[in-house]
């Protein structure tokens, strides 16, 4: 059916944007109020500066975040766009799903 195909394509498209390594962690940091490049690095110690720069650029390209100059700190902040804020529902649903799946897997062991 056409409707089912569109739903699958939309899910696949969303996952291609937020499913890349480190993207979820960066989004979670943004929802927690972190906005600075250095804050993302400090909160994700295994994340390299090169990978962070790449992910932030991709997230800007996909209109999940914007980079804006902060006059108070004389630096740049990364801020969620309206599309980026919509990922909160996805992240919450994922966080709800995981514990149930892990519980079932442990019960089988």
Protein backbone atom coordinates (compact mmCIF):
# COMPACT_ATOMS: atom_id res chain seq x y z
CA UNK A 1 0.00 0.00 0.00
CA UNK A 2 1.11 3.54 -0.73
CA UNK A 3 0.42 4.79 2.80
CA UNK A 4 2.48 2.04 4.41
CA UNK A 5 5.36 2.69 2.01
CA UNK A 6 5.33 6.39 2.86
CA UNK A 7 5.38 5.62 6.59
CA UNK A 8 8.34 3.27 6.13
CA UNK A 9 10.17 5.86 4.03
CA UNK A 10 9.53 8.55 6.65
CA UNK A 11 10.84 6.32 9.43
CA UNK A 12 13.90 5.40 7.38
CA UNK A 13 14.52 9.06 6.56
CA UNK A 14 14.24 10.09 10.23
CA UNK A 15 16.58 7.30 11.28
CA UNK A 16 19.14 8.28 8.64
CA UNK A 17 19.26 11.73 10.25
CA UNK A 18 19.35 10.82 13.94
CA UNK A 19 20.63 7.24 13.85
CA UNK A 20 24.25 8.05 13.14
CA UNK A 21 26.83 7.45 15.84
CA UNK A 22 26.90 10.26 18.42
CA UNK A 23 23.83 12.04 17.06
CA UNK A 24 21.51 10.80 19.80
CA UNK A 25 24.03 11.73 22.49
CA UNK A 26 24.38 15.24 21.07
CA UNK A 27 20.60 15.64 20.84
CA UNK A 28 20.25 14.51 24.46
CA UNK A 29 22.91 17.04 25.48
CA UNK A 30 20.97 19.77 23.68
CA UNK A 31 17.75 18.79 25.47
CA UNK A 32 19.69 18.95 28.75
CA UNK A 33 20.64 22.56 27.98
CA UNK A 34 24.15 22.12 26.64
CA UNK A 35 24.85 24.40 23.68
CA UNK A 36 28.63 24.69 23.33
CA UNK A 37 31.08 22.58 21.34
CA UNK A 38 33.22 22.09 24.44
CA UNK A 39 30.21 20.98 26.52
CA UNK A 40 29.43 18.23 24.02
CA UNK A 41 33.04 17.03 24.16
CA UNK A 42 33.15 17.12 27.96
CA UNK A 43 29.94 15.11 28.24
CA UNK A 44 31.02 12.51 25.64
CA UNK A 45 34.65 11.77 26.42
CA UNK A 46 35.13 9.24 23.59
CA UNK A 47 33.81 11.69 20.97
CA UNK A 48 36.60 13.26 18.90
CA UNK A 49 36.55 16.92 17.87
CA UNK A 50 36.55 15.87 14.20
CA UNK A 51 33.51 13.60 14.63
CA UNK A 52 31.68 16.23 16.70
CA UNK A 53 32.27 18.89 14.05
CA UNK A 54 31.05 16.49 11.37
CA UNK A 55 27.88 15.55 13.28
CA UNK A 56 27.05 19.17 14.13
CA UNK A 57 27.45 20.14 10.46
CA UNK A 58 25.16 17.28 9.41
CA UNK A 59 22.59 18.21 12.02
CA UNK A 60 22.61 21.77 10.70
CA UNK A 61 22.23 20.49 7.14
CA UNK A 62 19.21 18.40 8.20
CA UNK A 63 17.71 21.46 10.00
CA UNK A 64 17.84 19.82 13.43
CA UNK A 65 20.02 22.58 14.92
CA UNK A 66 21.27 26.04 14.12
CA UNK A 67 24.59 27.61 15.04
CA UNK A 68 24.23 31.13 16.38
CA UNK A 69 26.63 33.68 17.78
CA UNK A 70 26.30 34.46 21.48
CA UNK A 71 27.27 38.08 22.24
CA UNK A 72 27.53 37.43 25.98
CA UNK A 73 30.14 34.69 25.63
CA UNK A 74 31.67 35.80 22.31
CA UNK A 75 31.23 32.28 21.05
CA UNK A 76 28.80 30.10 19.17
CA UNK A 77 25.90 28.12 20.57
CA UNK A 78 24.08 25.22 18.95
CA UNK A 79 20.31 25.41 19.39
CA UNK A 80 17.54 22.99 18.46
CA UNK A 81 15.27 24.08 15.62
CA UNK A 82 11.57 23.25 15.64
CA UNK A 83 12.40 20.07 13.72
CA UNK A 84 15.13 19.29 16.23
CA UNK A 85 12.71 19.72 19.11
CA UNK A 86 10.43 17.14 17.50
CA UNK A 87 13.13 14.53 17.99
CA UNK A 88 12.42 14.72 21.71
CA UNK A 89 9.35 12.52 21.23
CA UNK A 90 11.45 9.98 19.33
CA UNK A 91 14.19 9.95 21.95
CA UNK A 92 11.65 9.57 24.74
CA UNK A 93 9.96 6.67 22.94
CA UNK A 94 13.35 5.03 22.43
CA UNK A 95 14.18 5.42 26.11
CA UNK A 96 10.88 3.81 27.04
CA UNK A 97 11.43 0.91 24.66
CA UNK A 98 14.95 -0.06 25.73
CA UNK A 99 14.35 -1.03 29.37
CA UNK A 100 11.48 -3.34 28.42
CA UNK A 101 13.60 -5.05 25.77
CA UNK A 102 16.55 -5.46 28.12
CA UNK A 103 14.31 -6.88 30.84
CA UNK A 104 12.94 -9.51 28.45
CA UNK A 105 16.44 -10.41 27.26
CA UNK A 106 17.67 -10.86 30.84
CA UNK A 107 14.67 -13.00 31.73
CA UNK A 108 15.49 -15.37 28.85
CA UNK A 109 19.09 -15.86 30.05
